Amino acid sequence: KIMNDPYAGQLSYIRIYSGKLKPGT
């Protein structure tokens, strides 16, 4: 899912199946 937020900009909803997600990845 992708949505635009007036404050945060574009938000992408992600479901992680494996591994880790960190800022800067």
PDB file of all heavy atoms in Angstrom:
ATOM      1  N   LYS A   1       0.851  -1.186   0.000  1.00  0.00           N
ATOM      2  CA  LYS A   1       0.000   0.000   0.000  1.00  0.00           C
ATOM      3  C   LYS A   1       0.888   1.238   0.000  1.00  0.00           C
ATOM      4  O   LYS A   1       1.911   1.258   0.679  1.00  0.00           O
ATOM      5  CB  LYS A   1      -0.882  -0.046   1.262  1.00  0.00           C
ATOM      6  CG  LYS A   1      -1.844   1.125   1.429  1.00  0.00           C
ATOM      7  CD  LYS A   1      -2.632   0.932   2.720  1.00  0.00           C
ATOM      8  CE  LYS A   1      -3.288   2.211   3.161  1.00  0.00           C
ATOM      9  NZ  LYS A   1      -4.691   2.285   2.897  1.00  0.00           N
ATOM     10  N   ILE A   2       0.480   2.228  -0.763  1.00  0.00           N
ATOM     11  CA  ILE A   2       1.229   3.486  -0.793  1.00  0.00           C
ATOM     12  C   ILE A   2       0.228   4.600  -0.553  1.00  0.00           C
ATOM     13  O   ILE A   2      -0.879   4.574  -1.100  1.00  0.00           O
ATOM     14  CB  ILE A   2       1.925   3.688  -2.154  1.00  0.00           C
ATOM     15  CG1 ILE A   2       3.049   2.664  -2.305  1.00  0.00           C
ATOM     16  CG2 ILE A   2       2.477   5.099  -2.285  1.00  0.00           C
ATOM     17  CD1 ILE A   2       3.742   2.701  -3.632  1.00  0.00           C
ATOM     18  N   MET A   3       0.580   5.551   0.293  1.00  0.00           N
ATOM     19  CA  MET A   3      -0.321   6.697   0.463  1.00  0.00           C
ATOM     20  C   MET A   3       0.495   7.961   0.686  1.00  0.00           C
ATOM     21  O   MET A   3       1.654   7.900   1.098  1.00  0.00           O
ATOM     22  CB  MET A   3      -1.292   6.462   1.612  1.00  0.00           C
ATOM     23  CG  MET A   3      -0.649   6.212   2.945  1.00  0.00           C
ATOM     24  SD  MET A   3      -1.886   5.943   4.199  1.00  0.00           S
ATOM     25  CE  MET A   3      -2.236   7.608   4.681  1.00  0.00           C
ATOM     26  N   ASN A   4      -0.126   9.087   0.383  1.00  0.00           N
ATOM     27  CA  ASN A   4       0.550  10.364   0.574  1.00  0.00           C
ATOM     28  C   ASN A   4       0.056  10.999   1.851  1.00  0.00           C
ATOM     29  O   ASN A   4      -1.145  11.102   2.069  1.00  0.00           O
ATOM     30  CB  ASN A   4       0.289  11.279  -0.609  1.00  0.00           C
ATOM     31  CG  ASN A   4       1.289  11.030  -1.712  1.00  0.00           C
ATOM     32  OD1 ASN A   4       2.491  11.028  -1.458  1.00  0.00           O
ATOM     33  ND2 ASN A   4       0.803  10.784  -2.913  1.00  0.00           N
ATOM     34  N   ASP A   5       0.994  11.397   2.679  1.00  0.00           N
ATOM     35  CA  ASP A   5       0.639  12.032   3.937  1.00  0.00           C
ATOM     36  C   ASP A   5       1.063  13.493   3.845  1.00  0.00           C
ATOM     37  O   ASP A   5       2.173  13.788   3.392  1.00  0.00           O
ATOM     38  CB  ASP A   5       1.382  11.328   5.076  1.00  0.00           C
ATOM     39  CG  ASP A   5       0.983  11.873   6.428  1.00  0.00           C
ATOM     40  OD1 ASP A   5      -0.014  11.386   6.972  1.00  0.00           O
ATOM     41  OD2 ASP A   5       1.668  12.784   6.936  1.00  0.00           O
ATOM     42  N   PRO A   6       0.171  14.432   4.265  1.00  0.00           N
ATOM     43  CA  PRO A   6       0.535  15.859   4.126  1.00  0.00           C
ATOM     44  C   PRO A   6       1.803  16.226   4.882  1.00  0.00           C
ATOM     45  O   PRO A   6       2.501  17.164   4.515  1.00  0.00           O
ATOM     46  CB  PRO A   6      -0.683  16.593   4.697  1.00  0.00           C
ATOM     47  CG  PRO A   6      -1.511  15.568   5.391  1.00  0.00           C
ATOM     48  CD  PRO A   6      -1.187  14.256   4.771  1.00  0.00           C
ATOM     49  N   TYR A   7       2.134  15.479   5.959  1.00  0.00           N
ATOM     50  CA  TYR A   7       3.323  15.835   6.755  1.00  0.00           C
ATOM     51  C   TYR A   7       4.516  14.944   6.441  1.00  0.00           C
ATOM     52  O   TYR A   7       5.635  15.402   6.332  1.00  0.00           O
ATOM     53  CB  TYR A   7       2.992  15.755   8.253  1.00  0.00           C
ATOM     54  CG  TYR A   7       1.783  16.567   8.600  1.00  0.00           C
ATOM     55  CD1 TYR A   7       0.566  15.962   8.878  1.00  0.00           C
ATOM     56  CD2 TYR A   7       1.844  17.966   8.602  1.00  0.00           C
ATOM     57  CE1 TYR A   7      -0.572  16.712   9.168  1.00  0.00           C
ATOM     58  CE2 TYR A   7       0.715  18.726   8.881  1.00  0.00           C
ATOM     59  CZ  TYR A   7      -0.479  18.101   9.163  1.00  0.00           C
ATOM     60  OH  TYR A   7      -1.595  18.850   9.436  1.00  0.00           O
ATOM     61  N   ALA A   8       4.264  13.654   6.290  1.00  0.00           N
ATOM     62  CA  ALA A   8       5.391  12.722   6.147  1.00  0.00           C
ATOM     63  C   ALA A   8       5.752  12.444   4.696  1.00  0.00           C
ATOM     64  O   ALA A   8       6.722  11.759   4.425  1.00  0.00           O
ATOM     65  CB  ALA A   8       5.063  11.422   6.862  1.00  0.00           C
ATOM     66  N   GLY A   9       4.958  12.941   3.760  1.00  0.00           N
ATOM     67  CA  GLY A   9       5.248  12.652   2.351  1.00  0.00           C
ATOM     68  C   GLY A   9       4.703  11.285   1.970  1.00  0.00           C
ATOM     69  O   GLY A   9       3.682  10.854   2.495  1.00  0.00           O
ATOM     70  N   GLN A  10       5.410  10.617   1.069  1.00  0.00           N
ATOM     71  CA  GLN A  10       4.898   9.327   0.608  1.00  0.00           C
ATOM     72  C   GLN A  10       5.229   8.222   1.611  1.00  0.00           C
ATOM     73  O   GLN A  10       6.377   8.050   2.009  1.00  0.00           O
ATOM     74  CB  GLN A  10       5.510   8.987  -0.748  1.00  0.00           C
ATOM     75  CG  GLN A  10       4.767   7.862  -1.426  1.00  0.00           C
ATOM     76  CD  GLN A  10       5.421   7.447  -2.724  1.00  0.00           C
ATOM     77  OE1 GLN A  10       6.610   7.180  -2.760  1.00  0.00           O
ATOM     78  NE2 GLN A  10       4.646   7.399  -3.780  1.00  0.00           N
ATOM     79  N   LEU A  11       4.190   7.496   2.012  1.00  0.00           N
ATOM     80  CA  LEU A  11       4.387   6.376   2.943  1.00  0.00           C
ATOM     81  C   LEU A  11       4.171   5.071   2.189  1.00  0.00           C
ATOM     82  O   LEU A  11       3.191   4.924   1.468  1.00  0.00           O
ATOM     83  CB  LEU A  11       3.374   6.446   4.092  1.00  0.00           C
ATOM     84  CG  LEU A  11       3.479   7.630   5.040  1.00  0.00           C
ATOM     85  CD1 LEU A  11       2.305   7.621   6.008  1.00  0.00           C
ATOM     86  CD2 LEU A  11       4.778   7.577   5.822  1.00  0.00           C
ATOM     87  N   SER A  12       5.093   4.145   2.352  1.00  0.00           N
ATOM     88  CA  SER A  12       4.955   2.844   1.705  1.00  0.00           C
ATOM     89  C   SER A  12       4.811   1.784   2.798  1.00  0.00           C
ATOM     90  O   SER A  12       5.670   1.666   3.660  1.00  0.00           O
ATOM     91  CB  SER A  12       6.201   2.534   0.883  1.00  0.00           C
ATOM     92  OG  SER A  12       6.532   3.637   0.085  1.00  0.00           O
ATOM     93  N   TYR A  13       3.710   1.054   2.751  1.00  0.00           N
ATOM     94  CA  TYR A  13       3.480   0.007   3.750  1.00  0.00           C
ATOM     95  C   TYR A  13       4.134  -1.277   3.255  1.00  0.00           C
ATOM     96  O   TYR A  13       3.892  -1.691   2.122  1.00  0.00           O
ATOM     97  CB  TYR A  13       1.978  -0.255   3.898  1.00  0.00           C
ATOM     98  CG  TYR A  13       1.216   0.832   4.609  1.00  0.00           C
ATOM     99  CD1 TYR A  13       1.062   2.094   4.047  1.00  0.00           C
ATOM    100  CD2 TYR A  13       0.637   0.583   5.851  1.00  0.00           C
ATOM    101  CE1 TYR A  13       0.348   3.085   4.701  1.00  0.00           C
ATOM    102  CE2 TYR A  13      -0.085   1.566   6.505  1.00  0.00           C
ATOM    103  CZ  TYR A  13      -0.222   2.815   5.927  1.00  0.00           C
ATOM    104  OH  TYR A  13      -0.941   3.781   6.573  1.00  0.00           O
ATOM    105  N   ILE A  14       4.930  -1.906   4.104  1.00  0.00           N
ATOM    106  CA  ILE A  14       5.642  -3.101   3.650  1.00  0.00           C
ATOM    107  C   ILE A  14       5.479  -4.243   4.643  1.00  0.00           C
ATOM    108  O   ILE A  14       5.461  -4.017   5.851  1.00  0.00           O
ATOM    109  CB  ILE A  14       7.141  -2.766   3.403  1.00  0.00           C
ATOM    110  CG1 ILE A  14       7.890  -3.956   2.815  1.00  0.00           C
ATOM    111  CG2 ILE A  14       7.827  -2.277   4.659  1.00  0.00           C
ATOM    112  CD1 ILE A  14       9.238  -3.572   2.208  1.00  0.00           C
ATOM    113  N   ARG A  15       5.304  -5.419   4.114  1.00  0.00           N
ATOM    114  CA  ARG A  15       5.278  -6.619   4.957  1.00  0.00           C
ATOM    115  C   ARG A  15       6.618  -7.320   4.737  1.00  0.00           C
ATOM    116  O   ARG A  15       6.973  -7.661   3.610  1.00  0.00           O
ATOM    117  CB  ARG A  15       4.114  -7.528   4.515  1.00  0.00           C
ATOM    118  CG  ARG A  15       4.245  -9.013   4.906  1.00  0.00           C
ATOM    119  CD  ARG A  15       3.968  -9.246   6.372  1.00  0.00           C
ATOM    120  NE  ARG A  15       4.606 -10.474   6.826  1.00  0.00           N
ATOM    121  CZ  ARG A  15       3.976 -11.622   7.007  1.00  0.00           C
ATOM    122  NH1 ARG A  15       2.696 -11.722   6.774  1.00  0.00           N
ATOM    123  NH2 ARG A  15       4.621 -12.670   7.454  1.00  0.00           N
ATOM    124  N   ILE A  16       7.362  -7.535   5.806  1.00  0.00           N
ATOM    125  CA  ILE A  16       8.673  -8.194   5.705  1.00  0.00           C
ATOM    126  C   ILE A  16       8.492  -9.699   5.845  1.00  0.00           C
ATOM    127  O   ILE A  16       7.872 -10.166   6.810  1.00  0.00           O
ATOM    128  CB  ILE A  16       9.612  -7.691   6.828  1.00  0.00           C
ATOM    129  CG1 ILE A  16       9.706  -6.177   6.833  1.00  0.00           C
ATOM    130  CG2 ILE A  16      10.984  -8.335   6.699  1.00  0.00           C
ATOM    131  CD1 ILE A  16      10.648  -5.563   5.885  1.00  0.00           C
ATOM    132  N   TYR A  17       9.037 -10.439   4.912  1.00  0.00           N
ATOM    133  CA  TYR A  17       8.965 -11.906   4.991  1.00  0.00           C
ATOM    134  C   TYR A  17      10.276 -12.511   5.483  1.00  0.00           C
ATOM    135  O   TYR A  17      10.309 -13.606   6.010  1.00  0.00           O
ATOM    136  CB  TYR A  17       8.634 -12.497   3.613  1.00  0.00           C
ATOM    137  CG  TYR A  17       7.211 -12.226   3.203  1.00  0.00           C
ATOM    138  CD1 TYR A  17       6.908 -11.237   2.275  1.00  0.00           C
ATOM    139  CD2 TYR A  17       6.172 -12.957   3.766  1.00  0.00           C
ATOM    140  CE1 TYR A  17       5.598 -10.982   1.914  1.00  0.00           C
ATOM    141  CE2 TYR A  17       4.857 -12.701   3.407  1.00  0.00           C
ATOM    142  CZ  TYR A  17       4.571 -11.721   2.483  1.00  0.00           C
ATOM    143  OH  TYR A  17       3.269 -11.473   2.133  1.00  0.00           O
ATOM    144  N   SER A  18      11.391 -11.790   5.255  1.00  0.00           N
ATOM    145  CA  SER A  18      12.698 -12.318   5.645  1.00  0.00           C
ATOM    146  C   SER A  18      13.645 -11.134   5.805  1.00  0.00           C
ATOM    147  O   SER A  18      13.505 -10.120   5.120  1.00  0.00           O
ATOM    148  CB  SER A  18      13.177 -13.265   4.541  1.00  0.00           C
ATOM    149  OG  SER A  18      14.574 -13.379   4.552  1.00  0.00           O
ATOM    150  N   GLY A  19      14.605 -11.271   6.717  1.00  0.00           N
ATOM    151  CA  GLY A  19      15.600 -10.213   6.888  1.00  0.00           C
ATOM    152  C   GLY A  19      15.107  -9.054   7.741  1.00  0.00           C
ATOM    153  O   GLY A  19      14.071  -9.137   8.390  1.00  0.00           O
ATOM    154  N   LYS A  20      15.892  -7.968   7.735  1.00  0.00           N
ATOM    155  CA  LYS A  20      15.580  -6.790   8.561  1.00  0.00           C
ATOM    156  C   LYS A  20      15.598  -5.544   7.698  1.00  0.00           C
ATOM    157  O   LYS A  20      16.369  -5.458   6.755  1.00  0.00           O
ATOM    158  CB  LYS A  20      16.655  -6.613   9.644  1.00  0.00           C
ATOM    159  CG  LYS A  20      16.570  -7.604  10.777  1.00  0.00           C
ATOM    160  CD  LYS A  20      17.671  -7.331  11.774  1.00  0.00           C
ATOM    161  CE  LYS A  20      17.686  -8.407  12.854  1.00  0.00           C
ATOM    162  NZ  LYS A  20      18.932  -8.437  13.602  1.00  0.00           N
ATOM    163  N   LEU A  21      14.789  -4.585   8.093  1.00  0.00           N
ATOM    164  CA  LEU A  21      14.736  -3.307   7.369  1.00  0.00           C
ATOM    165  C   LEU A  21      15.169  -2.211   8.326  1.00  0.00           C
ATOM    166  O   LEU A  21      14.584  -2.061   9.392  1.00  0.00           O
ATOM    167  CB  LEU A  21      13.296  -3.069   6.895  1.00  0.00           C
ATOM    168  CG  LEU A  21      13.082  -1.944   5.912  1.00  0.00           C
ATOM    169  CD1 LEU A  21      13.735  -2.276   4.588  1.00  0.00           C
ATOM    170  CD2 LEU A  21      11.590  -1.741   5.682  1.00  0.00           C
ATOM    171  N   LYS A  22      16.207  -1.466   7.961  1.00  0.00           N
ATOM    172  CA  LYS A  22      16.679  -0.382   8.827  1.00  0.00           C
ATOM    173  C   LYS A  22      16.751   0.905   8.001  1.00  0.00           C
ATOM    174  O   LYS A  22      16.935   0.841   6.790  1.00  0.00           O
ATOM    175  CB  LYS A  22      18.088  -0.683   9.350  1.00  0.00           C
ATOM    176  CG  LYS A  22      18.185  -1.920  10.220  1.00  0.00           C
ATOM    177  CD  LYS A  22      19.593  -2.007  10.803  1.00  0.00           C
ATOM    178  CE  LYS A  22      19.774  -3.279  11.630  1.00  0.00           C
ATOM    179  NZ  LYS A  22      20.838  -4.132  11.145  1.00  0.00           N
ATOM    180  N   PRO A  23      16.637   2.057   8.655  1.00  0.00           N
ATOM    181  CA  PRO A  23      16.818   3.308   7.904  1.00  0.00           C
ATOM    182  C   PRO A  23      18.209   3.308   7.275  1.00  0.00           C
ATOM    183  O   PRO A  23      19.175   2.861   7.890  1.00  0.00           O
ATOM    184  CB  PRO A  23      16.703   4.389   8.983  1.00  0.00           C
ATOM    185  CG  PRO A  23      15.969   3.736  10.106  1.00  0.00           C
ATOM    186  CD  PRO A  23      16.314   2.285  10.059  1.00  0.00           C
ATOM    187  N   GLY A  24      18.282   3.782   6.040  1.00  0.00           N
ATOM    188  CA  GLY A  24      19.588   3.825   5.374  1.00  0.00           C
ATOM    189  C   GLY A  24      19.885   2.577   4.549  1.00  0.00           C
ATOM    190  O   GLY A  24      20.839   2.568   3.779  1.00  0.00           O
ATOM    191  N   THR A  25      19.079   1.513   4.704  1.00  0.00           N
ATOM    192  CA  THR A  25      19.307   0.295   3.921  1.00  0.00           C
ATOM    193  C   THR A  25      19.044   0.596   2.441  1.00  0.00           C
ATOM    194  O   THR A  25      18.111   1.317   2.108  1.00  0.00           O
ATOM    195  CB  THR A  25      18.313  -0.818   4.353  1.00  0.00           C
ATOM    196  OG1 THR A  25      18.309  -0.903   5.758  1.00  0.00           O
ATOM    197  CG2 THR A  25      18.666  -2.169   3.762  1.00  0.00           C
TER     198      THR A  25
END
